[in-house]
Structures are given as C-alpha cells and as structure tokens.
Amino acid sequence: MKNGAMWPKGSANGEPGVTAKTAAKVEAWTTYPKSREKGDALREAAGKMAAVAGTGLDGVRGAIGAVGKACKSCHEAFRIPKDQM
C-alpha cells in the first residue's frame, strides 16, 4: 500500500497555504527517513498479522499488538494530539 499521495509534503498543520484542518506535524517530512522507518514497521507488522489471519483468532491476537504499537509510534511522532489542535 502506497500512502504517500494521501500526505503530500507541505500539507502539515501550520504550513503556508494549508487551510484544511490537519493533525499532521511537519516532522513527518522533515525527519525522513524516521517517518519511513515507522511506515516500514507498520507494513511488517500488518504482513505478519495477515500471514496468520486464516489460522484462527489466537494467531490474530498474537499479532495485533505489534500493529497497534506501530500505529501508535507513528501517531505519537507525527500527529498533533486532538486536544492541542
């Protein structure tokens, strides 16, 4: 899945010309490859979960934590909390 088009450079909160409400921090683009590493971690965790998805609920339970951890890691680094917007 290639999500780059959904978050183009220059679309962060506070960027000149950005009038839409966005929670994206400019660090998502200015700290590359850190943002890339977080995306890679999510892809890896999702791939592992997909590999066990057909084996039953226990397999998914064992893999979903890594997916959530990867999501949280990226959101903490590159997303403005709702209470700060």
Protein backbone atom coordinates (compact mmCIF):
# COMPACT_ATOMS: atom_id res chain seq x y z
CA MET A 1 0.00 0.00 0.00
CA LYS A 2 1.47 3.34 -1.03
CA ASN A 3 0.02 6.12 1.09
CA GLY A 4 2.35 8.95 0.05
CA ALA A 5 -0.28 10.65 -2.07
CA MET A 6 -2.52 10.96 0.97
CA TRP A 7 0.08 13.04 2.85
CA PRO A 8 1.95 15.18 0.35
CA LYS A 9 4.88 17.27 1.55
CA GLY A 10 3.67 20.73 2.54
CA SER A 11 0.31 19.55 3.86
CA ALA A 12 1.20 19.67 7.56
CA ASN A 13 -0.61 21.71 10.18
CA GLY A 14 0.57 25.32 10.03
CA GLU A 15 2.18 25.10 6.60
CA PRO A 16 1.65 28.16 4.38
CA GLY A 17 -1.49 27.78 2.30
CA VAL A 18 -2.91 24.86 4.30
CA THR A 19 -6.41 25.88 5.26
CA ALA A 20 -7.92 22.48 5.99
CA LYS A 21 -7.80 21.09 9.49
CA THR A 22 -4.99 18.55 9.70
CA ALA A 23 -3.22 16.80 12.54
CA ALA A 24 -0.05 16.13 10.57
CA LYS A 25 3.15 17.54 12.04
CA VAL A 26 5.77 18.94 9.69
CA GLU A 27 8.22 16.43 11.26
CA ALA A 28 6.61 13.72 9.16
CA TRP A 29 8.54 15.19 6.21
CA THR A 30 11.47 16.93 7.86
CA THR A 31 12.75 13.91 9.78
CA TYR A 32 12.78 11.47 6.86
CA PRO A 33 13.88 8.59 6.96
CA LYS A 34 12.45 8.32 10.52
CA SER A 35 8.94 8.53 9.10
CA ARG A 36 9.81 5.88 6.53
CA GLU A 37 11.05 3.55 9.26
CA LYS A 38 7.74 3.86 11.10
CA GLY A 39 5.84 3.07 7.91
CA ASP A 40 8.05 0.06 7.32
CA ALA A 41 7.36 -1.18 10.87
CA LEU A 42 3.62 -0.96 10.23
CA ARG A 43 3.90 -2.80 6.92
CA GLU A 44 5.94 -5.56 8.56
CA ALA A 45 3.52 -5.95 11.48
CA ALA A 46 0.50 -5.95 9.16
CA GLY A 47 2.15 -8.53 6.94
CA LYS A 48 2.77 -10.82 9.89
CA MET A 49 -0.83 -10.44 11.02
CA ALA A 50 -2.11 -11.16 7.53
CA ALA A 51 0.03 -14.30 7.42
CA VAL A 52 -1.72 -15.72 10.49
CA ALA A 53 -5.19 -14.32 9.82
CA GLY A 54 -6.53 -17.56 8.43
CA THR A 55 -5.19 -19.67 11.30
CA GLY A 56 -7.76 -18.55 13.86
CA LEU A 57 -8.35 -15.93 16.48
CA ASP A 58 -5.33 -16.87 18.60
CA GLY A 59 -2.97 -16.12 15.72
CA VAL A 60 -4.50 -12.71 15.15
CA ARG A 61 -4.47 -11.94 18.87
CA GLY A 62 -0.76 -12.66 18.93
CA ALA A 63 -0.05 -10.32 16.04
CA ILE A 64 -2.44 -7.39 16.55
CA GLY A 65 -0.37 -5.87 19.36
CA ALA A 66 2.54 -5.17 17.02
CA VAL A 67 0.18 -3.46 14.55
CA GLY A 68 -1.21 -1.22 17.29
CA LYS A 69 2.29 -0.44 18.56
CA ALA A 70 3.42 0.59 15.08
CA CYS A 71 0.36 2.82 14.60
CA LYS A 72 0.82 4.46 17.99
CA SER A 73 4.51 5.08 17.40
CA CYS A 74 3.83 6.98 14.19
CA HIS A 75 0.91 8.94 15.64
CA GLU A 76 2.96 9.98 18.66
CA ALA A 77 5.80 11.22 16.49
CA PHE A 78 3.94 12.79 13.59
CA ARG A 79 0.41 13.69 14.67
CA ILE A 80 -0.78 16.61 16.78
CA PRO A 81 -3.00 15.38 19.63
CA LYS A 82 -6.65 16.43 19.24
CA ASP A 83 -6.55 18.42 22.49
CA GLN A 84 -3.71 20.56 21.09
CA MET A 85 -5.37 21.45 17.79
